[in-house]
Amino acid sequence: MSDLKTAALEYHALPRPGKISVELTKPTETARDLALAYSPGVAEPVREIAREPNLAYKYTSKGNLVGVITDGTAILGLGNLGPLASKPVMEGKGVLFKRFAGVDVFDIEVDAESPQAFIDTVRRISITFGGINLEDIKAPECFEIERALIEQCDIPVFHDDQHGTAIVTAAGMLNALEIAGKELATAKIVCLGSGAAAISCMRLLISLGAKVENIFMLDRKGVIHSGRDDLNQYKAAFAHDTDKHTLEQAMEGADVFVGLAGSNLLSADNLKRMAERPVVFACSNPDPEISPELAHATRSDVIMATGRSDYPNQVNNVLCFPFIFRGALDVRASRINEEMKIAVVHALRDLAKAPVSPEVCAAYGLDTLEFGREYIIPKPLDPRLITIVPDAAAKAAIESGVASLPYPRNYPLQSVADVFK
């Protein structure tokens, strides 16, 4: 661990501080170049944008620029360490946006005294961007912040901790249940955790067919049920009449366990309480709710996913957020809606069933990768993601009426089905 700490700090500090920079996209070699870049030439696009605001997409970088914005109240699993401490994470999101989808990023850390102050700040600067990725904002404030900004901004606003996690989880979950011979509509689901990611995961699973009466969500006080009077509106949506009030009781006969709460919270005994062919998504980092070694030693029939890259079936948000924004930006969507999220779920689900190239296998030190118990979610370095996922998001944006541009012709794939040809 000390070696990792040293390497990480050196990586961020050397040879120059930070991980991102601004690059020039136009020549600046001559006096004429500079006259075009700034005064007097810059006055021409200023006049055009003043006449027609949408021309900002033609004459500036707005259309490929995402603001990654936080208040630093929920940084990774480290908690509320403040906006400045969150900057390495926000720069990291910028790295991933650029590396995987060619999207430019300004990271912005807001020292806000209240959620409303944060909302007002982001709304006022939103015209700078083609989209806004909210990050590392604590629950329940994150729900209201995102809702307000979606209403007040005319560009996509997407809280990745909620929806990126939910989309990748849902894609893997559908595949895991298929392998287990089970249906989402009838699956009994235990969700350990009631924060932003947990609530959004369960909301999306319901949109895909899960039944709220089959979901048992737990917070620090146990199962969220209709007899409790200490629930906020977001938790209360999952409260139903049940006599199961503890994790032990909820786990009896459960088909699915989703962990978004903390390390080592699922015991071997509770895993034994689950139904045949259980699906376990233990997503806390760096240590999951149950280690894959213990889970497989306890149940030979378990299908397991974690948030870690050193085990099969990593639930990794990078499979989603760069690509859903790429699709949204390319058709100039005004928002990222439920239809787009569901389309991306199915695109990721289907990609995991497609043949995997030797190059992708080699990148992960594997001879082969085939759809099955240890491969239910695509790998982040699969080059097909940059076509398939934006393709799905863009088409869904157009079909649901939130896009203002036609389907981008630069996508070589017309549908995920093309992967199988």
Protein backbone atom coordinates (compact mmCIF):
# COMPACT_ATOMS: atom_id res chain seq x y z
CA MET A 1 0.00 0.00 0.00
CA SER A 2 2.88 2.40 0.77
CA ASP A 3 4.29 1.70 -2.71
CA LEU A 4 0.89 2.52 -4.24
CA LYS A 5 0.70 5.74 -2.23
CA THR A 6 4.15 6.82 -3.38
CA ALA A 7 3.45 5.91 -7.00
CA ALA A 8 0.09 7.71 -6.96
CA LEU A 9 1.51 10.89 -5.49
CA GLU A 10 4.42 10.90 -7.95
CA TYR A 11 2.02 10.24 -10.83
CA HIS A 12 0.00 13.33 -9.90
CA ALA A 13 3.00 15.55 -9.19
CA LEU A 14 5.52 14.71 -11.93
CA PRO A 15 6.72 15.78 -14.43
CA ARG A 16 4.15 18.60 -14.06
CA PRO A 17 1.34 18.86 -11.50
CA GLY A 18 -2.09 17.48 -12.36
CA LYS A 19 -3.44 15.23 -15.10
CA ILE A 20 -5.08 17.52 -17.67
CA SER A 21 -4.22 20.62 -19.69
CA VAL A 22 -5.75 22.94 -22.30
CA GLU A 23 -4.61 22.49 -25.89
CA LEU A 24 -4.81 24.80 -28.89
CA THR A 25 -6.93 23.66 -31.82
CA LYS A 26 -6.03 26.40 -34.32
CA PRO A 27 -2.69 27.62 -35.74
CA THR A 28 -1.00 30.52 -33.92
CA GLU A 29 2.22 30.80 -35.87
CA THR A 30 1.74 34.13 -37.66
CA ALA A 31 0.48 37.62 -36.94
CA ARG A 32 -2.57 36.86 -39.07
CA ASP A 33 -3.27 33.72 -37.01
CA LEU A 34 -3.29 35.81 -33.85
CA ALA A 35 -5.47 38.46 -35.49
CA LEU A 36 -8.00 35.74 -36.29
CA ALA A 37 -7.74 34.06 -32.88
CA TYR A 38 -8.22 37.28 -30.93
CA SER A 39 -8.50 40.93 -31.87
CA PRO A 40 -9.87 41.96 -34.32
CA GLY A 41 -11.04 38.67 -35.85
CA VAL A 42 -12.71 37.29 -32.74
CA ALA A 43 -15.33 40.03 -32.99
CA GLU A 44 -16.94 38.25 -35.95
CA PRO A 45 -18.06 35.07 -34.10
CA VAL A 46 -19.05 37.30 -31.14
CA ARG A 47 -21.48 39.17 -33.38
CA GLU A 48 -22.80 35.95 -34.88
CA ILE A 49 -23.41 34.34 -31.48
CA ALA A 50 -25.09 37.50 -30.19
CA ARG A 51 -27.41 37.32 -33.20
CA GLU A 52 -28.03 33.55 -32.89
CA PRO A 53 -26.95 31.87 -29.61
CA ASN A 54 -26.90 28.37 -31.09
CA LEU A 55 -23.98 29.44 -33.26
CA ALA A 56 -21.83 29.07 -30.13
CA TYR A 57 -21.82 25.37 -31.05
CA LYS A 58 -20.32 26.27 -34.45
CA TYR A 59 -17.75 28.85 -33.43
CA THR A 60 -16.63 27.70 -29.95
CA SER A 61 -15.78 24.48 -28.12
CA LYS A 62 -19.11 24.44 -26.26
CA GLY A 63 -20.48 21.43 -28.15
CA ASN A 64 -17.67 19.11 -27.04
CA LEU A 65 -17.11 20.55 -23.58
CA VAL A 66 -18.43 19.02 -20.35
CA GLY A 67 -18.21 20.60 -16.94
CA VAL A 68 -17.28 18.07 -14.24
CA ILE A 69 -18.58 19.85 -11.16
CA THR A 70 -18.64 19.02 -7.45
CA ASP A 71 -18.97 20.48 -3.97
CA GLY A 72 -16.69 17.80 -2.52
CA THR A 73 -19.23 16.52 0.00
CA ALA A 74 -18.88 12.83 -0.89
CA ILE A 75 -15.46 12.20 -2.40
CA LEU A 76 -15.12 8.56 -3.43
CA GLY A 77 -15.53 6.61 -0.18
CA LEU A 78 -13.58 9.24 1.77
CA GLY A 79 -16.52 11.45 2.71
CA ASN A 80 -16.89 15.21 2.97
CA LEU A 81 -13.34 16.48 2.55
CA GLY A 82 -14.26 19.69 0.77
CA PRO A 83 -14.17 20.90 -2.83
CA LEU A 84 -10.43 21.52 -3.13
CA ALA A 85 -9.59 17.97 -2.01
CA SER A 86 -11.92 16.69 -4.74
CA LYS A 87 -9.90 18.27 -7.57
CA PRO A 88 -7.73 15.17 -8.27
CA VAL A 89 -10.90 13.13 -8.73
CA MET A 90 -12.49 15.72 -11.01
CA GLU A 91 -9.30 15.88 -13.10
CA GLY A 92 -9.43 12.08 -13.21
CA LYS A 93 -12.94 12.22 -14.66
CA GLY A 94 -11.55 14.60 -17.27
CA VAL A 95 -8.89 12.04 -18.17
CA LEU A 96 -11.52 9.35 -18.66
CA PHE A 97 -13.84 11.57 -20.73
CA LYS A 98 -10.97 12.47 -23.05
CA ARG A 99 -9.34 9.03 -23.19
CA PHE A 100 -12.47 7.05 -23.92
CA ALA A 101 -14.77 9.43 -25.80
CA GLY A 102 -12.75 12.44 -26.96
CA VAL A 103 -14.79 14.78 -24.76
CA ASP A 104 -13.08 17.90 -23.39
CA VAL A 105 -13.55 18.78 -19.73
CA PHE A 106 -13.24 21.74 -17.40
CA ASP A 107 -13.24 20.53 -13.82
CA ILE A 108 -14.93 22.96 -11.41
CA GLU A 109 -14.88 22.67 -7.64
CA VAL A 110 -17.52 24.85 -5.98
CA ASP A 111 -17.15 26.12 -2.41
CA ALA A 112 -20.88 26.41 -1.77
CA GLU A 113 -22.44 27.16 1.61
CA SER A 114 -25.67 25.36 0.72
CA PRO A 115 -27.21 23.17 -1.99
CA GLN A 116 -29.09 26.20 -3.30
CA ALA A 117 -25.86 28.19 -3.59
CA PHE A 118 -24.35 25.28 -5.55
CA ILE A 119 -27.40 25.13 -7.83
CA ASP A 120 -27.26 28.88 -8.47
CA THR A 121 -23.54 28.78 -9.24
CA VAL A 122 -23.78 25.89 -11.68
CA ARG A 123 -26.85 27.33 -13.40
CA ARG A 124 -25.10 30.64 -14.00
CA ILE A 125 -22.04 29.03 -15.62
CA SER A 126 -23.93 26.31 -17.50
CA ILE A 127 -23.95 28.24 -20.80
CA THR A 128 -20.21 27.55 -21.03
CA PHE A 129 -20.79 23.85 -21.57
CA GLY A 130 -22.48 21.31 -23.82
CA GLY A 131 -23.19 19.14 -20.77
CA ILE A 132 -22.63 18.92 -17.01
CA ASN A 133 -21.40 15.86 -15.11
CA LEU A 134 -22.13 16.21 -11.39
CA GLU A 135 -19.79 14.26 -9.16
CA ASP A 136 -19.12 13.38 -5.52
CA ILE A 137 -22.13 15.19 -4.01
CA LYS A 138 -23.67 13.63 -0.92
CA ALA A 139 -27.18 12.26 -0.63
CA PRO A 140 -29.93 13.28 -0.28
CA GLU A 141 -28.87 16.76 -1.44
CA CYS A 142 -27.60 15.33 -4.75
CA PHE A 143 -31.14 14.38 -5.80
CA GLU A 144 -32.51 17.89 -5.39
CA ILE A 145 -29.41 19.47 -6.95
CA GLU A 146 -29.67 17.31 -10.05
CA ARG A 147 -33.44 17.77 -10.36
CA ALA A 148 -33.18 21.56 -10.10
CA LEU A 149 -30.33 21.81 -12.61
CA ILE A 150 -32.09 19.57 -15.13
CA GLU A 151 -35.09 21.90 -14.92
CA GLN A 152 -33.06 25.12 -15.09
CA CYS A 153 -30.45 24.21 -17.73
CA ASP A 154 -30.99 23.47 -21.42
CA ILE A 155 -28.08 21.03 -21.63
CA PRO A 156 -27.69 17.48 -20.26
CA VAL A 157 -27.07 17.31 -16.48
CA PHE A 158 -26.04 13.88 -15.25
CA HIS A 159 -24.98 12.80 -11.76
CA ASP A 160 -22.65 9.93 -12.57
CA ASP A 161 -22.48 8.54 -9.04
CA GLN A 162 -26.19 7.87 -9.41
CA HIS A 163 -26.84 7.00 -13.01
CA GLY A 164 -23.50 5.69 -14.26
CA THR A 165 -23.43 3.16 -11.45
CA ALA A 166 -27.08 2.28 -12.06
CA ILE A 167 -26.67 1.76 -15.80
CA VAL A 168 -23.63 -0.52 -15.55
CA THR A 169 -25.17 -2.40 -12.61
CA ALA A 170 -28.41 -2.95 -14.51
CA ALA A 171 -26.63 -4.21 -17.62
CA GLY A 172 -24.61 -6.72 -15.62
CA MET A 173 -27.63 -7.67 -13.52
CA LEU A 174 -29.78 -8.54 -16.51
CA ASN A 175 -27.04 -10.77 -17.88
CA ALA A 176 -26.37 -12.40 -14.52
CA LEU A 177 -30.06 -13.19 -14.03
CA GLU A 178 -30.23 -14.61 -17.55
CA ILE A 179 -27.32 -16.94 -16.78
CA ALA A 180 -28.96 -17.88 -13.47
CA GLY A 181 -32.21 -18.69 -15.28
CA LYS A 182 -34.16 -15.99 -13.44
CA GLU A 183 -36.34 -13.00 -14.38
CA LEU A 184 -35.94 -9.46 -13.08
CA ALA A 185 -39.70 -9.13 -12.63
CA THR A 186 -39.81 -11.96 -10.09
CA ALA A 187 -36.36 -11.65 -8.51
CA LYS A 188 -36.14 -10.89 -4.82
CA ILE A 189 -33.52 -8.15 -4.46
CA VAL A 190 -31.68 -7.06 -1.32
CA CYS A 191 -29.94 -3.68 -1.59
CA LEU A 192 -27.53 -2.93 1.25
CA GLY A 193 -27.13 0.83 1.14
CA SER A 194 -29.55 3.72 0.65
CA GLY A 195 -27.39 6.50 -0.76
CA ALA A 196 -27.38 8.08 -4.21
CA ALA A 197 -26.03 5.06 -6.08
CA ALA A 198 -28.25 2.55 -4.29
CA ILE A 199 -31.45 4.50 -4.81
CA SER A 200 -30.66 5.16 -8.47
CA CYS A 201 -29.75 1.51 -9.08
CA MET A 202 -33.08 0.36 -7.69
CA ARG A 203 -35.01 3.06 -9.58
CA LEU A 204 -33.48 1.94 -12.87
CA LEU A 205 -34.11 -1.73 -12.14
CA ILE A 206 -37.77 -0.83 -11.53
CA SER A 207 -37.85 0.98 -14.89
CA LEU A 208 -36.55 -2.25 -16.42
CA GLY A 209 -39.21 -4.43 -14.78
CA ALA A 210 -38.27 -5.13 -11.16
CA LYS A 211 -41.10 -4.90 -8.62
CA VAL A 212 -40.72 -2.50 -5.70
CA GLU A 213 -42.40 -5.03 -3.40
CA ASN A 214 -39.56 -7.46 -4.21
CA ILE A 215 -36.86 -4.94 -3.23
CA PHE A 216 -35.57 -4.85 0.33
CA MET A 217 -33.39 -1.78 0.81
CA LEU A 218 -31.39 -1.41 4.02
CA ASP A 219 -29.82 1.59 5.70
CA ARG A 220 -27.94 1.71 9.01
CA LYS A 221 -31.16 0.99 10.93
CA GLY A 222 -32.13 -2.08 8.91
CA VAL A 223 -34.76 -2.75 6.27
CA ILE A 224 -36.63 0.29 4.97
CA HIS A 225 -40.27 -0.65 5.60
CA SER A 226 -43.64 1.07 5.89
CA GLY A 227 -43.62 0.98 9.69
CA ARG A 228 -40.69 3.41 9.95
CA ASP A 229 -41.21 7.13 10.53
CA ASP A 230 -37.60 8.24 10.00
CA LEU A 231 -37.39 8.04 6.20
CA ASN A 232 -36.72 10.85 3.76
CA GLN A 233 -38.80 10.96 0.59
CA TYR A 234 -36.20 9.08 -1.43
CA LYS A 235 -35.97 6.16 0.96
CA ALA A 236 -39.72 6.15 1.56
CA ALA A 237 -40.31 5.29 -2.09
CA PHE A 238 -38.91 1.82 -1.33
CA ALA A 239 -40.80 1.23 1.91
CA HIS A 240 -43.43 -1.50 1.84
CA ASP A 241 -45.25 -3.65 4.35
CA THR A 242 -42.95 -6.46 5.46
CA ASP A 243 -42.03 -8.28 8.64
CA LYS A 244 -38.41 -8.56 7.44
CA HIS A 245 -36.52 -5.88 9.36
CA THR A 246 -32.92 -7.18 9.48
CA LEU A 247 -30.34 -8.13 6.89
CA GLU A 248 -30.52 -11.75 8.04
CA GLN A 249 -34.27 -11.83 7.49
CA ALA A 250 -34.09 -10.05 4.13
CA MET A 251 -31.45 -12.44 2.80
CA GLU A 252 -33.63 -15.52 3.27
CA GLY A 253 -34.38 -16.76 -0.25
CA ALA A 254 -33.00 -13.63 -1.94
CA ASP A 255 -32.06 -13.97 -5.60
CA VAL A 256 -29.94 -10.81 -5.77
CA PHE A 257 -27.71 -8.91 -3.38
CA VAL A 258 -26.50 -5.42 -4.33
CA GLY A 259 -23.96 -3.92 -1.95
CA LEU A 260 -23.31 -0.18 -1.99
CA ALA A 261 -22.64 0.35 1.68
CA GLY A 262 -19.16 -0.66 2.84
CA SER A 263 -16.59 -3.40 3.17
CA ASN A 264 -17.17 -6.83 4.67
CA LEU A 265 -20.85 -6.29 5.51
CA LEU A 266 -22.09 -9.51 3.90
CA SER A 267 -21.18 -12.59 5.90
CA ALA A 268 -20.83 -16.12 4.60
CA ASP A 269 -23.85 -17.09 6.72
CA ASN A 270 -26.01 -14.49 5.03
CA LEU A 271 -24.80 -15.57 1.60
CA LYS A 272 -25.90 -19.11 2.50
CA ARG A 273 -29.40 -17.78 3.16
CA MET A 274 -29.84 -16.77 -0.49
CA ALA A 275 -31.74 -18.79 -3.09
CA GLU A 276 -30.09 -21.14 -5.55
CA ARG A 277 -27.81 -19.52 -8.13
CA PRO A 278 -27.56 -16.20 -6.27
CA VAL A 279 -26.35 -13.01 -7.92
CA VAL A 280 -24.05 -10.88 -5.74
CA PHE A 281 -22.92 -7.40 -6.75
CA ALA A 282 -20.57 -6.29 -3.94
CA CYS A 283 -19.58 -2.89 -5.28
CA SER A 284 -17.91 -1.03 -2.42
CA ASN A 285 -14.31 0.03 -3.04
CA PRO A 286 -11.60 -0.76 -2.32
CA ASP A 287 -12.97 -3.65 -0.28
CA PRO A 288 -16.33 -5.15 -1.31
CA GLU A 289 -19.13 -6.22 1.00
CA ILE A 290 -17.83 -9.77 0.62
CA SER A 291 -14.62 -10.87 -1.04
CA PRO A 292 -14.96 -12.98 -4.17
CA GLU A 293 -12.73 -15.61 -2.54
CA LEU A 294 -15.09 -15.99 0.43
CA ALA A 295 -18.19 -15.82 -1.75
CA HIS A 296 -17.02 -18.59 -4.10
CA ALA A 297 -15.78 -20.70 -1.20
CA THR A 298 -19.20 -20.38 0.42
CA ARG A 299 -21.38 -20.87 -2.67
CA SER A 300 -20.15 -22.62 -5.81
CA ASP A 301 -23.28 -21.40 -7.63
CA VAL A 302 -22.81 -17.67 -6.98
CA ILE A 303 -22.47 -15.17 -9.83
CA MET A 304 -20.27 -12.39 -8.52
CA ALA A 305 -19.43 -8.82 -9.51
CA THR A 306 -17.44 -6.15 -7.68
CA GLY A 307 -16.22 -2.62 -8.22
CA ARG A 308 -12.60 -3.76 -8.46
CA SER A 309 -10.55 -4.14 -11.62
CA ASP A 310 -8.60 -7.15 -10.33
CA TYR A 311 -11.63 -9.47 -10.32
CA PRO A 312 -13.97 -10.52 -13.13
CA ASN A 313 -17.17 -8.54 -13.72
CA GLN A 314 -16.11 -5.08 -12.64
CA VAL A 315 -18.99 -2.61 -12.27
CA ASN A 316 -17.12 0.36 -13.72
CA ASN A 317 -18.81 3.69 -14.49
CA VAL A 318 -16.32 4.36 -17.30
CA LEU A 319 -18.39 1.93 -19.38
CA CYS A 320 -21.16 4.53 -19.31
CA PHE A 321 -20.51 8.19 -18.64
CA PRO A 322 -18.02 9.11 -21.42
CA PHE A 323 -20.13 7.36 -24.03
CA ILE A 324 -23.61 8.48 -22.99
CA PHE A 325 -22.31 12.07 -23.03
CA ARG A 326 -20.69 11.46 -26.43
CA GLY A 327 -24.06 10.40 -27.83
CA ALA A 328 -25.89 13.27 -26.11
CA LEU A 329 -23.42 15.87 -27.36
CA ASP A 330 -23.44 14.53 -30.92
CA VAL A 331 -27.21 15.04 -31.30
CA ARG A 332 -27.21 18.10 -29.03
CA ALA A 333 -29.63 16.58 -26.55
CA SER A 334 -31.21 18.90 -23.99
CA ARG A 335 -31.05 16.19 -21.32
CA ILE A 336 -30.12 12.60 -20.64
CA ASN A 337 -33.46 10.94 -20.01
CA GLU A 338 -34.70 7.55 -18.88
CA GLU A 339 -35.03 6.31 -22.45
CA MET A 340 -31.35 7.03 -23.11
CA LYS A 341 -30.27 5.30 -19.89
CA ILE A 342 -32.30 2.19 -20.73
CA ALA A 343 -30.92 2.15 -24.28
CA VAL A 344 -27.38 2.19 -22.91
CA VAL A 345 -28.22 -0.62 -20.46
CA HIS A 346 -29.27 -2.84 -23.34
CA ALA A 347 -26.30 -1.82 -25.50
CA LEU A 348 -23.87 -2.81 -22.75
CA ARG A 349 -25.80 -5.98 -22.03
CA ASP A 350 -25.69 -7.05 -25.67
CA LEU A 351 -22.03 -6.14 -26.12
CA ALA A 352 -21.07 -8.56 -23.36
CA LYS A 353 -22.57 -11.34 -25.49
CA ALA A 354 -20.59 -10.45 -28.60
CA PRO A 355 -17.30 -12.18 -29.52
CA VAL A 356 -14.30 -10.45 -27.92
CA SER A 357 -11.21 -9.71 -29.99
CA PRO A 358 -7.80 -11.20 -29.10
CA GLU A 359 -6.52 -7.64 -28.63
CA VAL A 360 -9.00 -6.93 -25.85
CA CYS A 361 -8.24 -10.27 -24.20
CA ALA A 362 -4.52 -9.55 -24.37
CA ALA A 363 -5.01 -6.15 -22.73
CA TYR A 364 -6.35 -7.97 -19.67
CA GLY A 365 -3.85 -10.83 -19.77
CA LEU A 366 -6.48 -13.37 -20.83
CA ASP A 367 -6.55 -15.98 -23.58
CA THR A 368 -10.28 -15.69 -24.18
CA LEU A 369 -13.37 -13.88 -22.93
CA GLU A 370 -16.77 -15.41 -23.46
CA PHE A 371 -20.20 -14.49 -22.13
CA GLY A 372 -20.76 -16.41 -18.93
CA ARG A 373 -20.49 -16.31 -15.17
CA GLU A 374 -17.15 -14.46 -15.20
CA TYR A 375 -17.93 -12.17 -18.11
CA ILE A 376 -21.30 -10.43 -17.78
CA ILE A 377 -20.11 -6.84 -18.33
CA PRO A 378 -17.93 -5.52 -21.18
CA LYS A 379 -14.34 -4.51 -20.50
CA PRO A 380 -13.54 -0.76 -20.51
CA LEU A 381 -10.81 -1.17 -23.14
CA ASP A 382 -13.17 -2.73 -25.67
CA PRO A 383 -12.92 -0.35 -28.66
CA ARG A 384 -16.49 -1.08 -29.71
CA LEU A 385 -17.84 0.93 -26.76
CA ILE A 386 -17.14 4.24 -28.50
CA THR A 387 -19.50 3.34 -31.33
CA ILE A 388 -22.12 1.13 -29.70
CA VAL A 389 -22.93 3.13 -26.58
CA PRO A 390 -23.05 6.64 -28.12
CA ASP A 391 -25.05 5.08 -30.97
CA ALA A 392 -27.65 3.78 -28.52
CA ALA A 393 -27.80 7.04 -26.55
CA ALA A 394 -28.06 9.22 -29.65
CA LYS A 395 -30.83 7.15 -31.21
CA ALA A 396 -32.81 7.12 -27.96
CA ALA A 397 -32.41 10.90 -27.63
CA ILE A 398 -33.79 11.39 -31.13
CA GLU A 399 -36.65 8.94 -30.66
CA SER A 400 -37.65 10.46 -27.31
CA GLY A 401 -37.64 14.00 -28.67
CA VAL A 402 -34.78 15.57 -26.66
CA ALA A 403 -32.30 15.87 -29.56
CA SER A 404 -31.95 18.90 -31.82
CA LEU A 405 -29.58 17.41 -34.41
CA PRO A 406 -30.10 14.43 -36.73
CA TYR A 407 -28.46 11.07 -36.23
CA PRO A 408 -24.65 11.49 -36.53
CA ARG A 409 -23.36 9.93 -39.70
CA ASN A 410 -19.90 9.35 -38.24
CA TYR A 411 -21.07 6.27 -36.32
CA PRO A 412 -20.03 3.23 -38.38
CA LEU A 413 -22.44 0.92 -36.55
CA GLN A 414 -26.15 1.23 -37.14
CA SER A 415 -27.09 -0.95 -34.20
CA VAL A 416 -25.53 -3.21 -31.60
CA ALA A 417 -26.71 -6.14 -33.70
CA ASP A 418 -24.01 -5.27 -36.23
CA VAL A 419 -21.42 -6.58 -33.76
CA PHE A 420 -22.67 -10.11 -34.42
CA LYS A 421 -22.36 -9.91 -38.20
